[in-house]
C-alpha atoms as a PDB file:
ATOM      1  CA  MET A   1      13.960 -10.165  -9.988  1.00  0.00           C
ATOM      2  CA  ILE A   2      11.393  -9.475  -7.263  1.00  0.00           C
ATOM      3  CA  LYS A   3      11.459 -12.262  -4.643  1.00  0.00           C
ATOM      4  CA  GLN A   4       8.311 -13.675  -3.104  1.00  0.00           C
ATOM      5  CA  PRO A   5       8.215 -14.459   0.632  1.00  0.00           C
ATOM      6  CA  PRO A   6       6.834 -17.896   1.562  1.00  0.00           C
ATOM      7  CA  TYR A   7       3.048 -17.884   1.730  1.00  0.00           C
ATOM      8  CA  LEU A   8       1.560 -18.335   5.177  1.00  0.00           C
ATOM      9  CA  LYS A   9       0.141 -21.586   6.452  1.00  0.00           C
ATOM     10  CA  LYS A  10      -1.921 -22.350   9.522  1.00  0.00           C
ATOM     11  CA  GLY A  11       0.166 -22.298  12.683  1.00  0.00           C
ATOM     12  CA  ASP A  12       2.558 -19.609  11.425  1.00  0.00           C
ATOM     13  CA  LYS A  13       3.572 -16.778  13.745  1.00  0.00           C
ATOM     14  CA  ILE A  14       2.973 -13.200  12.653  1.00  0.00           C
ATOM     15  CA  ALA A  15       3.825  -9.934  14.425  1.00  0.00           C
ATOM     16  CA  LEU A  16       1.836  -6.729  14.860  1.00  0.00           C
ATOM     17  CA  VAL A  17       3.759  -3.456  15.151  1.00  0.00           C
ATOM     18  CA  CYS A  18       2.977   0.266  14.928  1.00  0.00           C
ATOM     19  CA  PRO A  19       5.632   2.100  12.883  1.00  0.00           C
ATOM     20  CA  ALA A  20       3.823   5.450  12.964  1.00  0.00           C
ATOM     21  CA  LYS A  21       0.936   6.867  15.010  1.00  0.00           C
ATOM     22  CA  LYS A  22      -0.350   5.300  18.184  1.00  0.00           C
ATOM     23  CA  LEU A  23      -3.536   3.272  18.275  1.00  0.00           C
ATOM     24  CA  PRO A  24      -6.542   5.187  19.675  1.00  0.00           C
ATOM     25  CA  LYS A  25      -8.696   2.081  20.097  1.00  0.00           C
ATOM     26  CA  SER A  26      -8.551  -1.635  20.780  1.00  0.00           C
ATOM     27  CA  ILE A  27      -7.616  -4.016  17.975  1.00  0.00           C
ATOM     28  CA  ASP A  28      -8.738  -7.117  19.857  1.00  0.00           C
ATOM     29  CA  LYS A  29     -11.310  -8.006  17.175  1.00  0.00           C
ATOM     30  CA  ALA A  30      -8.639  -7.832  14.485  1.00  0.00           C
ATOM     31  CA  ILE A  31      -6.362 -10.059  16.551  1.00  0.00           C
ATOM     32  CA  ALA A  32      -9.243 -12.511  16.983  1.00  0.00           C
ATOM     33  CA  LEU A  33      -9.822 -12.627  13.210  1.00  0.00           C
ATOM     34  CA  LEU A  34      -6.141 -13.243  12.472  1.00  0.00           C
ATOM     35  CA  THR A  35      -6.249 -16.028  15.040  1.00  0.00           C
ATOM     36  CA  GLU A  36      -9.330 -17.468  13.293  1.00  0.00           C
ATOM     37  CA  TRP A  37      -7.229 -17.622  10.127  1.00  0.00           C
ATOM     38  CA  GLY A  38      -5.012 -20.083  12.018  1.00  0.00           C
ATOM     39  CA  LEU A  39      -2.194 -17.651  12.788  1.00  0.00           C
ATOM     40  CA  GLU A  40      -0.329 -17.148  16.046  1.00  0.00           C
ATOM     41  CA  VAL A  41      -0.297 -13.401  16.680  1.00  0.00           C
ATOM     42  CA  VAL A  42       2.664 -11.841  18.508  1.00  0.00           C
ATOM     43  CA  ILE A  43       2.086  -8.290  19.791  1.00  0.00           C
ATOM     44  CA  GLY A  44       4.985  -5.880  19.411  1.00  0.00           C
ATOM     45  CA  GLU A  45       5.958  -3.425  22.122  1.00  0.00           C
ATOM     46  CA  SER A  46       4.967  -0.480  19.909  1.00  0.00           C
ATOM     47  CA  VAL A  47       1.331  -1.621  19.611  1.00  0.00           C
ATOM     48  CA  TYR A  48       0.381  -0.328  23.057  1.00  0.00           C
ATOM     49  CA  ALA A  49       3.101   2.327  23.372  1.00  0.00           C
ATOM     50  CA  SER A  50       2.482   6.085  23.353  1.00  0.00           C
ATOM     51  CA  HIS A  51       4.759   9.075  22.848  1.00  0.00           C
ATOM     52  CA  HIS A  52       2.846  12.241  21.911  1.00  0.00           C
ATOM     53  CA  GLN A  53       1.221  11.320  18.550  1.00  0.00           C
ATOM     54  CA  PHE A  54       3.398   8.291  18.016  1.00  0.00           C
ATOM     55  CA  ALA A  55       3.332   4.618  19.048  1.00  0.00           C
ATOM     56  CA  GLY A  56       6.356   5.133  21.253  1.00  0.00           C
ATOM     57  CA  THR A  57       9.564   7.012  20.546  1.00  0.00           C
ATOM     58  CA  ASP A  58      11.298   6.700  17.201  1.00  0.00           C
ATOM     59  CA  GLU A  59      13.881   4.472  18.899  1.00  0.00           C
ATOM     60  CA  LEU A  60      11.237   2.153  20.364  1.00  0.00           C
ATOM     61  CA  ARG A  61       9.308   1.806  17.101  1.00  0.00           C
ATOM     62  CA  ALA A  62      12.460   1.114  15.098  1.00  0.00           C
ATOM     63  CA  ALA A  63      13.701  -1.446  17.625  1.00  0.00           C
ATOM     64  CA  ASP A  64      10.317  -3.173  17.655  1.00  0.00           C
ATOM     65  CA  ILE A  65      10.233  -3.611  13.872  1.00  0.00           C
ATOM     66  CA  GLN A  66      13.908  -4.576  13.817  1.00  0.00           C
ATOM     67  CA  HIS A  67      13.270  -7.357  16.335  1.00  0.00           C
ATOM     68  CA  PHE A  68      10.680  -8.962  14.059  1.00  0.00           C
ATOM     69  CA  LEU A  69      12.645  -8.341  10.852  1.00  0.00           C
ATOM     70  CA  ASP A  70      15.466 -10.358  12.430  1.00  0.00           C
ATOM     71  CA  ASP A  71      13.295 -13.114  13.932  1.00  0.00           C
ATOM     72  CA  SER A  72      13.105 -15.924  11.365  1.00  0.00           C
ATOM     73  CA  SER A  73      10.214 -17.571  13.238  1.00  0.00           C
ATOM     74  CA  ILE A  74       7.977 -14.599  12.317  1.00  0.00           C
ATOM     75  CA  LYS A  75       6.482 -15.126   8.852  1.00  0.00           C
ATOM     76  CA  ALA A  76       4.698 -11.777   8.431  1.00  0.00           C
ATOM     77  CA  ILE A  77       4.714  -8.306   9.990  1.00  0.00           C
ATOM     78  CA  ILE A  78       1.470  -6.334   9.881  1.00  0.00           C
ATOM     79  CA  ALA A  79       1.367  -2.626  10.731  1.00  0.00           C
ATOM     80  CA  GLY A  80      -1.375  -1.814  13.250  1.00  0.00           C
ATOM     81  CA  ARG A  81      -2.120   1.544  11.605  1.00  0.00           C
ATOM     82  CA  GLY A  82      -0.627   4.350   9.542  1.00  0.00           C
ATOM     83  CA  GLY A  83      -0.903   8.049  10.330  1.00  0.00           C
ATOM     84  CA  TYR A  84       2.539   9.617  10.236  1.00  0.00           C
ATOM     85  CA  GLY A  85       5.962   8.514  11.409  1.00  0.00           C
ATOM     86  CA  THR A  86       7.416   5.701   9.308  1.00  0.00           C
ATOM     87  CA  ILE A  87       9.716   8.067   7.419  1.00  0.00           C
ATOM     88  CA  ARG A  88      11.288   9.049  10.772  1.00  0.00           C
ATOM     89  CA  ILE A  89      12.599   5.513  11.352  1.00  0.00           C
ATOM     90  CA  ILE A  90      13.097   3.930   7.913  1.00  0.00           C
ATOM     91  CA  ASP A  91      16.821   4.735   7.737  1.00  0.00           C
ATOM     92  CA  ALA A  92      17.413   3.176  11.163  1.00  0.00           C
ATOM     93  CA  LEU A  93      16.265  -0.255   9.995  1.00  0.00           C
ATOM     94  CA  ASP A  94      18.672  -3.013   8.944  1.00  0.00           C
ATOM     95  CA  PHE A  95      17.180  -5.401   6.377  1.00  0.00           C
ATOM     96  CA  THR A  96      20.113  -7.849   6.275  1.00  0.00           C
ATOM     97  CA  GLN A  97      18.306 -10.729   7.996  1.00  0.00           C
ATOM     98  CA  PHE A  98      15.023  -9.861   6.281  1.00  0.00           C
ATOM     99  CA  ASN A  99      16.743 -10.183   2.906  1.00  0.00           C
ATOM    100  CA  LEU A 100      18.071 -13.632   3.872  1.00  0.00           C
ATOM    101  CA  HIS A 101      14.706 -14.761   5.250  1.00  0.00           C
ATOM    102  CA  PRO A 102      11.960 -12.756   3.477  1.00  0.00           C
ATOM    103  CA  LYS A 103       8.563 -12.385   5.130  1.00  0.00           C
ATOM    104  CA  TRP A 104       5.381 -10.547   4.240  1.00  0.00           C
ATOM    105  CA  ILE A 105       5.118  -6.895   5.306  1.00  0.00           C
ATOM    106  CA  VAL A 106       1.567  -5.502   5.313  1.00  0.00           C
ATOM    107  CA  GLY A 107       0.090  -2.013   5.591  1.00  0.00           C
ATOM    108  CA  PHE A 108      -1.041   1.029   3.617  1.00  0.00           C
ATOM    109  CA  SER A 109      -1.198   4.826   3.912  1.00  0.00           C
ATOM    110  CA  ASP A 110       1.935   5.964   5.825  1.00  0.00           C
ATOM    111  CA  ILE A 111       3.251   2.395   5.611  1.00  0.00           C
ATOM    112  CA  THR A 112       3.822   3.123   1.900  1.00  0.00           C
ATOM    113  CA  VAL A 113       7.251   4.333   3.080  1.00  0.00           C
ATOM    114  CA  LEU A 114       8.161   0.846   4.315  1.00  0.00           C
ATOM    115  CA  LEU A 115       6.630  -0.949   1.328  1.00  0.00           C
ATOM    116  CA  SER A 116       8.350   1.317  -1.193  1.00  0.00           C
ATOM    117  CA  HIS A 117      11.692   0.928   0.571  1.00  0.00           C
ATOM    118  CA  ILE A 118      11.401  -2.860   0.499  1.00  0.00           C
ATOM    119  CA  ILE A 119      10.624  -2.865  -3.234  1.00  0.00           C
ATOM    120  CA  ALA A 120      13.421  -0.378  -3.963  1.00  0.00           C
ATOM    121  CA  GLN A 121      16.165  -1.859  -1.792  1.00  0.00           C
ATOM    122  CA  SER A 122      15.275  -5.489  -1.045  1.00  0.00           C
ATOM    123  CA  GLU A 123      13.263  -6.360  -4.165  1.00  0.00           C
ATOM    124  CA  ILE A 124      10.879  -8.468  -2.082  1.00  0.00           C
ATOM    125  CA  GLN A 125       7.109  -8.555  -2.531  1.00  0.00           C
ATOM    126  CA  CYS A 126       4.936  -6.907   0.140  1.00  0.00           C
ATOM    127  CA  ILE A 127       1.251  -6.170   0.626  1.00  0.00           C
ATOM    128  CA  HIS A 128      -0.693  -2.910   0.499  1.00  0.00           C
ATOM    129  CA  GLY A 129      -3.779  -3.919   2.475  1.00  0.00           C
ATOM    130  CA  GLN A 130      -6.030  -3.472   5.480  1.00  0.00           C
ATOM    131  CA  MET A 131      -4.464  -2.989   8.915  1.00  0.00           C
ATOM    132  CA  PRO A 132      -5.938  -4.006  12.296  1.00  0.00           C
ATOM    133  CA  TYR A 133      -6.982  -0.379  12.929  1.00  0.00           C
ATOM    134  CA  THR A 134      -9.251  -0.568   9.856  1.00  0.00           C
ATOM    135  CA  PHE A 135     -10.447  -4.178  10.213  1.00  0.00           C
ATOM    136  CA  GLU A 136     -13.725  -3.322  11.957  1.00  0.00           C
ATOM    137  CA  GLU A 137     -14.820  -0.900   9.197  1.00  0.00           C
ATOM    138  CA  SER A 138     -13.617  -3.177   6.399  1.00  0.00           C
ATOM    139  CA  THR A 139     -15.736  -5.113   3.949  1.00  0.00           C
ATOM    140  CA  PHE A 140     -15.519  -8.891   4.018  1.00  0.00           C
ATOM    141  CA  GLU A 141     -14.083  -8.774   0.486  1.00  0.00           C
ATOM    142  CA  ALA A 142     -11.179  -6.542   1.529  1.00  0.00           C
ATOM    143  CA  LEU A 143     -10.259  -8.684   4.529  1.00  0.00           C
ATOM    144  CA  ASP A 144     -10.604 -11.872   2.500  1.00  0.00           C
ATOM    145  CA  SER A 145      -8.354 -10.379  -0.193  1.00  0.00           C
ATOM    146  CA  LEU A 146      -5.705  -9.894   2.517  1.00  0.00           C
ATOM    147  CA  ARG A 147      -6.104 -13.468   3.722  1.00  0.00           C
ATOM    148  CA  LYS A 148      -5.822 -14.760   0.160  1.00  0.00           C
ATOM    149  CA  ALA A 149      -2.742 -12.623  -0.519  1.00  0.00           C
ATOM    150  CA  LEU A 150      -1.024 -13.925   2.621  1.00  0.00           C
ATOM    151  CA  PHE A 151      -1.940 -17.558   2.020  1.00  0.00           C
ATOM    152  CA  GLY A 152      -1.185 -17.528  -1.715  1.00  0.00           C
ATOM    153  CA  GLU A 153      -4.638 -17.812  -3.263  1.00  0.00           C
ATOM    154  CA  LYS A 154      -4.689 -16.256  -6.740  1.00  0.00           C
ATOM    155  CA  GLN A 155      -7.146 -13.385  -7.139  1.00  0.00           C
ATOM    156  CA  THR A 156      -8.965 -11.488  -9.884  1.00  0.00           C
ATOM    157  CA  TYR A 157     -10.713  -8.155  -9.237  1.00  0.00           C
ATOM    158  CA  VAL A 158     -13.519  -7.057 -11.561  1.00  0.00           C
ATOM    159  CA  TYR A 159     -15.500  -3.822 -11.176  1.00  0.00           C
ATOM    160  CA  GLU A 160     -17.217  -0.976 -13.049  1.00  0.00           C
ATOM    161  CA  SER A 161     -15.620   2.476 -13.041  1.00  0.00           C
ATOM    162  CA  GLU A 162     -17.804   5.582 -12.802  1.00  0.00           C
ATOM    163  CA  PHE A 163     -15.224   7.759 -14.559  1.00  0.00           C
ATOM    164  CA  SER A 164     -14.290   6.717 -18.104  1.00  0.00           C
ATOM    165  CA  ASN A 165     -11.113   4.663 -18.333  1.00  0.00           C
ATOM    166  CA  ARG A 166      -8.603   4.577 -21.160  1.00  0.00           C
ATOM    167  CA  PRO A 167      -9.146   1.142 -22.738  1.00  0.00           C
ATOM    168  CA  GLY A 168      -6.222  -1.211 -23.144  1.00  0.00           C
ATOM    169  CA  GLU A 169      -4.397  -4.287 -21.883  1.00  0.00           C
ATOM    170  CA  ALA A 170      -1.071  -4.521 -20.093  1.00  0.00           C
ATOM    171  CA  ASP A 171       1.014  -6.845 -17.944  1.00  0.00           C
ATOM    172  CA  GLY A 172       3.743  -5.790 -15.561  1.00  0.00           C
ATOM    173  CA  LEU A 173       5.086  -5.681 -12.036  1.00  0.00           C
ATOM    174  CA  LEU A 174       2.750  -3.876  -9.646  1.00  0.00           C
ATOM    175  CA  ILE A 175       4.013  -0.920  -7.600  1.00  0.00           C
ATOM    176  CA  GLY A 176       2.251   1.934  -5.850  1.00  0.00           C
ATOM    177  CA  GLY A 177       0.620   3.198  -2.703  1.00  0.00           C
ATOM    178  CA  ASN A 178      -0.210   6.549  -1.183  1.00  0.00           C
ATOM    179  CA  LEU A 179       0.475   9.435  -3.590  1.00  0.00           C
ATOM    180  CA  THR A 180       1.704  11.834  -0.906  1.00  0.00           C
ATOM    181  CA  LEU A 181       4.234   9.354   0.459  1.00  0.00           C
ATOM    182  CA  ILE A 182       5.393   8.210  -2.973  1.00  0.00           C
ATOM    183  CA  THR A 183       6.018  11.853  -3.871  1.00  0.00           C
ATOM    184  CA  MET A 184       7.893  12.484  -0.619  1.00  0.00           C
ATOM    185  CA  LEU A 185      10.196   9.502  -1.303  1.00  0.00           C
ATOM    186  CA  GLN A 186      11.441  10.735  -4.677  1.00  0.00           C
ATOM    187  CA  GLY A 187      15.214  11.185  -4.698  1.00  0.00           C
ATOM    188  CA  SER A 188      15.674   8.955  -1.649  1.00  0.00           C
ATOM    189  CA  ALA A 189      16.874   5.388  -1.146  1.00  0.00           C
ATOM    190  CA  SER A 190      13.197   4.369  -0.872  1.00  0.00           C
ATOM    191  CA  GLU A 191      12.233   5.512  -4.389  1.00  0.00           C
ATOM    192  CA  MET A 192      10.790   2.738  -6.579  1.00  0.00           C
ATOM    193  CA  ASN A 193      11.654   2.293 -10.251  1.00  0.00           C
ATOM    194  CA  PHE A 194       8.530   3.208 -12.249  1.00  0.00           C
ATOM    195  CA  ASP A 195       9.623   2.088 -15.728  1.00  0.00           C
ATOM    196  CA  ASN A 196       7.485  -0.651 -17.311  1.00  0.00           C
ATOM    197  CA  LYS A 197       5.452  -1.024 -14.108  1.00  0.00           C
ATOM    198  CA  ILE A 198       1.737  -0.973 -13.436  1.00  0.00           C
ATOM    199  CA  LEU A 199       1.359   1.846 -10.910  1.00  0.00           C
ATOM    200  CA  PHE A 200      -1.532   2.301  -8.502  1.00  0.00           C
ATOM    201  CA  LEU A 201      -2.157   5.476  -6.514  1.00  0.00           C
ATOM    202  CA  GLU A 202      -4.547   6.503  -3.725  1.00  0.00           C
ATOM    203  CA  ASP A 203      -4.845   9.308  -1.194  1.00  0.00           C
ATOM    204  CA  VAL A 204      -7.121  10.847   1.398  1.00  0.00           C
ATOM    205  CA  GLY A 205      -7.863  14.300   2.767  1.00  0.00           C
ATOM    206  CA  GLU A 206      -6.023  16.329   0.132  1.00  0.00           C
ATOM    207  CA  HIS A 207      -7.040  19.369  -1.924  1.00  0.00           C
ATOM    208  CA  GLU A 208      -7.434  19.038  -5.692  1.00  0.00           C
ATOM    209  CA  TYR A 209      -4.528  21.453  -6.185  1.00  0.00           C
ATOM    210  CA  SER A 210      -2.288  19.340  -3.973  1.00  0.00           C
ATOM    211  CA  ILE A 211      -3.048  16.197  -5.980  1.00  0.00           C
ATOM    212  CA  ASP A 212      -2.446  18.181  -9.178  1.00  0.00           C
ATOM    213  CA  ARG A 213       0.893  19.450  -7.843  1.00  0.00           C
ATOM    214  CA  MET A 214       2.151  16.026  -6.730  1.00  0.00           C
ATOM    215  CA  LEU A 215       1.229  14.322  -9.988  1.00  0.00           C
ATOM    216  CA  ARG A 216       2.788  17.099 -12.057  1.00  0.00           C
ATOM    217  CA  MET A 217       5.960  16.719  -9.994  1.00  0.00           C
ATOM    218  CA  LEU A 218       6.014  12.989 -10.813  1.00  0.00           C
ATOM    219  CA  LYS A 219       5.358  13.770 -14.473  1.00  0.00           C
ATOM    220  CA  ARG A 220       8.162  16.352 -14.661  1.00  0.00           C
ATOM    221  CA  ALA A 221      10.490  13.792 -13.050  1.00  0.00           C
ATOM    222  CA  GLY A 222       9.671  11.343 -15.847  1.00  0.00           C
ATOM    223  CA  LYS A 223       7.897   8.875 -13.576  1.00  0.00           C
ATOM    224  CA  LEU A 224       4.646   8.672 -15.552  1.00  0.00           C
ATOM    225  CA  ALA A 225       5.980   8.445 -19.109  1.00  0.00           C
ATOM    226  CA  ASN A 226       7.148   4.824 -19.226  1.00  0.00           C
ATOM    227  CA  LEU A 227       4.466   3.016 -17.242  1.00  0.00           C
ATOM    228  CA  ASN A 228       2.737  -0.081 -18.606  1.00  0.00           C
ATOM    229  CA  GLY A 229      -0.500   0.941 -16.907  1.00  0.00           C
ATOM    230  CA  LEU A 230      -1.978   3.264 -14.289  1.00  0.00           C
ATOM    231  CA  ILE A 231      -4.554   2.350 -11.636  1.00  0.00           C
ATOM    232  CA  ILE A 232      -6.278   5.205  -9.807  1.00  0.00           C
ATOM    233  CA  GLY A 233      -7.677   4.066  -6.482  1.00  0.00           C
ATOM    234  CA  ALA A 234      -9.759   6.003  -3.974  1.00  0.00           C
ATOM    235  CA  PHE A 235      -9.100   9.721  -3.592  1.00  0.00           C
ATOM    236  CA  ASN A 236     -11.593  10.492  -0.859  1.00  0.00           C
ATOM    237  CA  GLU A 237     -12.322  13.103   1.808  1.00  0.00           C
ATOM    238  CA  ILE A 238     -11.172  15.820  -0.597  1.00  0.00           C
ATOM    239  CA  GLU A 239     -10.927  19.073   1.333  1.00  0.00           C
ATOM    240  CA  ALA A 240     -13.208  21.815   0.025  1.00  0.00           C
ATOM    241  CA  GLU A 241     -11.617  25.089  -1.085  1.00  0.00           C
ATOM    242  CA  LYS A 242     -13.093  28.583  -0.871  1.00  0.00           C
ATOM    243  CA  ILE A 243     -12.592  29.051  -4.613  1.00  0.00           C
ATOM    244  CA  SER A 244     -13.298  26.024  -6.794  1.00  0.00           C
ATOM    245  CA  PHE A 245     -10.257  24.383  -8.411  1.00  0.00           C
ATOM    246  CA  GLY A 246     -12.415  23.735 -11.482  1.00  0.00           C
ATOM    247  CA  GLN A 247     -11.666  20.034 -11.874  1.00  0.00           C
ATOM    248  CA  THR A 248     -12.551  16.893  -9.981  1.00  0.00           C
ATOM    249  CA  VAL A 249      -9.687  14.644  -8.889  1.00  0.00           C
ATOM    250  CA  ASP A 250     -10.381  12.230 -11.747  1.00  0.00           C
ATOM    251  CA  GLU A 251     -10.354  15.132 -14.227  1.00  0.00           C
ATOM    252  CA  VAL A 252      -7.078  16.409 -12.736  1.00  0.00           C
ATOM    253  CA  ILE A 253      -5.443  12.992 -13.157  1.00  0.00           C
ATOM    254  CA  TRP A 254      -6.792  12.420 -16.674  1.00  0.00           C
ATOM    255  CA  ASP A 255      -5.542  15.842 -17.794  1.00  0.00           C
ATOM    256  CA  ILE A 256      -2.034  14.926 -16.640  1.00  0.00           C
ATOM    257  CA  VAL A 257      -1.817  11.453 -18.226  1.00  0.00           C
ATOM    258  CA  LYS A 258      -4.031  11.821 -21.314  1.00  0.00           C
ATOM    259  CA  GLU A 259      -1.035  12.193 -23.639  1.00  0.00           C
ATOM    260  CA  TYR A 260       0.250   8.692 -22.867  1.00  0.00           C
ATOM    261  CA  ASP A 261      -1.101   5.517 -24.476  1.00  0.00           C
ATOM    262  CA  TYR A 262      -1.102   2.942 -21.659  1.00  0.00           C
ATOM    263  CA  PRO A 263      -4.364   1.743 -20.046  1.00  0.00           C
ATOM    264  CA  VAL A 264      -5.669   3.915 -17.210  1.00  0.00           C
ATOM    265  CA  CYS A 265      -8.487   2.933 -14.867  1.00  0.00           C
ATOM    266  CA  PHE A 266     -10.294   4.988 -12.249  1.00  0.00           C
ATOM    267  CA  ASN A 267     -12.236   4.313  -9.030  1.00  0.00           C
ATOM    268  CA  PHE A 268     -10.263   1.121  -8.315  1.00  0.00           C
ATOM    269  CA  PRO A 269     -11.271  -0.325  -4.904  1.00  0.00           C
ATOM    270  CA  THR A 270      -8.066   0.323  -2.996  1.00  0.00           C
ATOM    271  CA  GLY A 271      -7.126   3.050  -0.520  1.00  0.00           C
ATOM    272  CA  HIS A 272      -8.695   4.693   2.527  1.00  0.00           C
ATOM    273  CA  ILE A 273     -12.049   3.012   1.972  1.00  0.00           C
ATOM    274  CA  GLU A 274     -13.958   0.102   3.497  1.00  0.00           C
ATOM    275  CA  ASN A 275     -13.401  -2.033   0.394  1.00  0.00           C
ATOM    276  CA  ASN A 276      -9.627  -1.626   0.397  1.00  0.00           C
ATOM    277  CA  LEU A 277      -8.623  -4.627  -1.709  1.00  0.00           C
ATOM    278  CA  SER A 278      -5.118  -5.956  -1.160  1.00  0.00           C
ATOM    279  CA  MET A 279      -2.440  -5.114  -3.719  1.00  0.00           C
ATOM    280  CA  VAL A 280       0.737  -7.222  -3.764  1.00  0.00           C
ATOM    281  CA  LEU A 281       3.620  -4.931  -4.644  1.00  0.00           C
ATOM    282  CA  GLY A 282       6.190  -6.645  -6.841  1.00  0.00           C
ATOM    283  CA  ALA A 283       3.700  -9.214  -8.159  1.00  0.00           C
ATOM    284  CA  GLU A 284       3.213  -9.789 -11.890  1.00  0.00           C
ATOM    285  CA  VAL A 285      -0.289  -8.626 -12.782  1.00  0.00           C
ATOM    286  CA  SER A 286      -2.537  -8.192 -15.789  1.00  0.00           C
ATOM    287  CA  LEU A 287      -4.715  -5.110 -16.293  1.00  0.00           C
ATOM    288  CA  LYS A 288      -7.538  -5.025 -18.834  1.00  0.00           C
ATOM    289  CA  THR A 289      -9.568  -1.825 -19.122  1.00  0.00           C
ATOM    290  CA  GLU A 290     -12.640  -0.969 -21.145  1.00  0.00           C
ATOM    291  CA  THR A 291     -14.500   2.347 -20.995  1.00  0.00           C
ATOM    292  CA  ASN A 292     -16.155   1.488 -17.691  1.00  0.00           C
ATOM    293  CA  ASN A 293     -15.146  -2.122 -17.001  1.00  0.00           C
ATOM    294  CA  VAL A 294     -11.907  -3.228 -15.359  1.00  0.00           C
ATOM    295  CA  GLN A 295     -10.300  -6.629 -14.818  1.00  0.00           C
ATOM    296  CA  PHE A 296      -7.199  -6.893 -12.649  1.00  0.00           C
ATOM    297  CA  LYS A 297      -5.584 -10.290 -12.270  1.00  0.00           C
ATOM    298  CA  TYR A 298      -2.544 -11.732 -10.502  1.00  0.00           C
ATOM    299  CA  LEU A 299      -0.517 -13.859 -12.919  1.00  0.00           C
END
């Protein structure tokens, strides 16, 4: 049974940390917005730290997150940004106190490592959503979806897909995140159970062949066969190749999953985009797809 951390309320303390790359710009506006939501923002040591590409050494970043995992007065931990580096510290973290006193963990991209590990090992809900580094470029809808997820307001997302979906209806626990990181976690302690889940995937800056390769790896490992539904988010900034791969990303994905019968939707507003709507991993959700229309609802 996936546990749900207590929803936030005004006056709660939350912590900002950087588990991966260092911040190249100020996040003061993001801190101001979180404060406007009625939250007391505590800044972790890693937020302003620097060690080559990273937000401090591996030891510093791990210790910073550990401090807030263990602090029961902190009700949520939000990653300042992604990049690369969470996989370097995930095995150094002790989730004993976190499991006793669950709190919301928020991030996306490289933070998929942390979110996946929490679902796999702690069975506690967490949030794939905007991070302070992306707040300034974010749509109002994406930021408000994060606020609603944190404060426990039920949400329904409705949109039109440009690429044809596979029609259907399904309920299930939501899992997912960045395709590259999910693929890299297979066979590790951070690997999620895919069976009977609604899976969402997104990625950025990859070649079509790389996306094809990662999805075929997941298919060969049996990860795509027993899903209840599949949500394809943004796959943007696709790197051009000298010789055309011959398929768009959506065509690549459809070719791989067309033999299954569960609902599949494309162009879902989540990922490395301005309208990165929050997805609560471990939540029970409903997915209804028509040829071009999609309704996604938290139950």
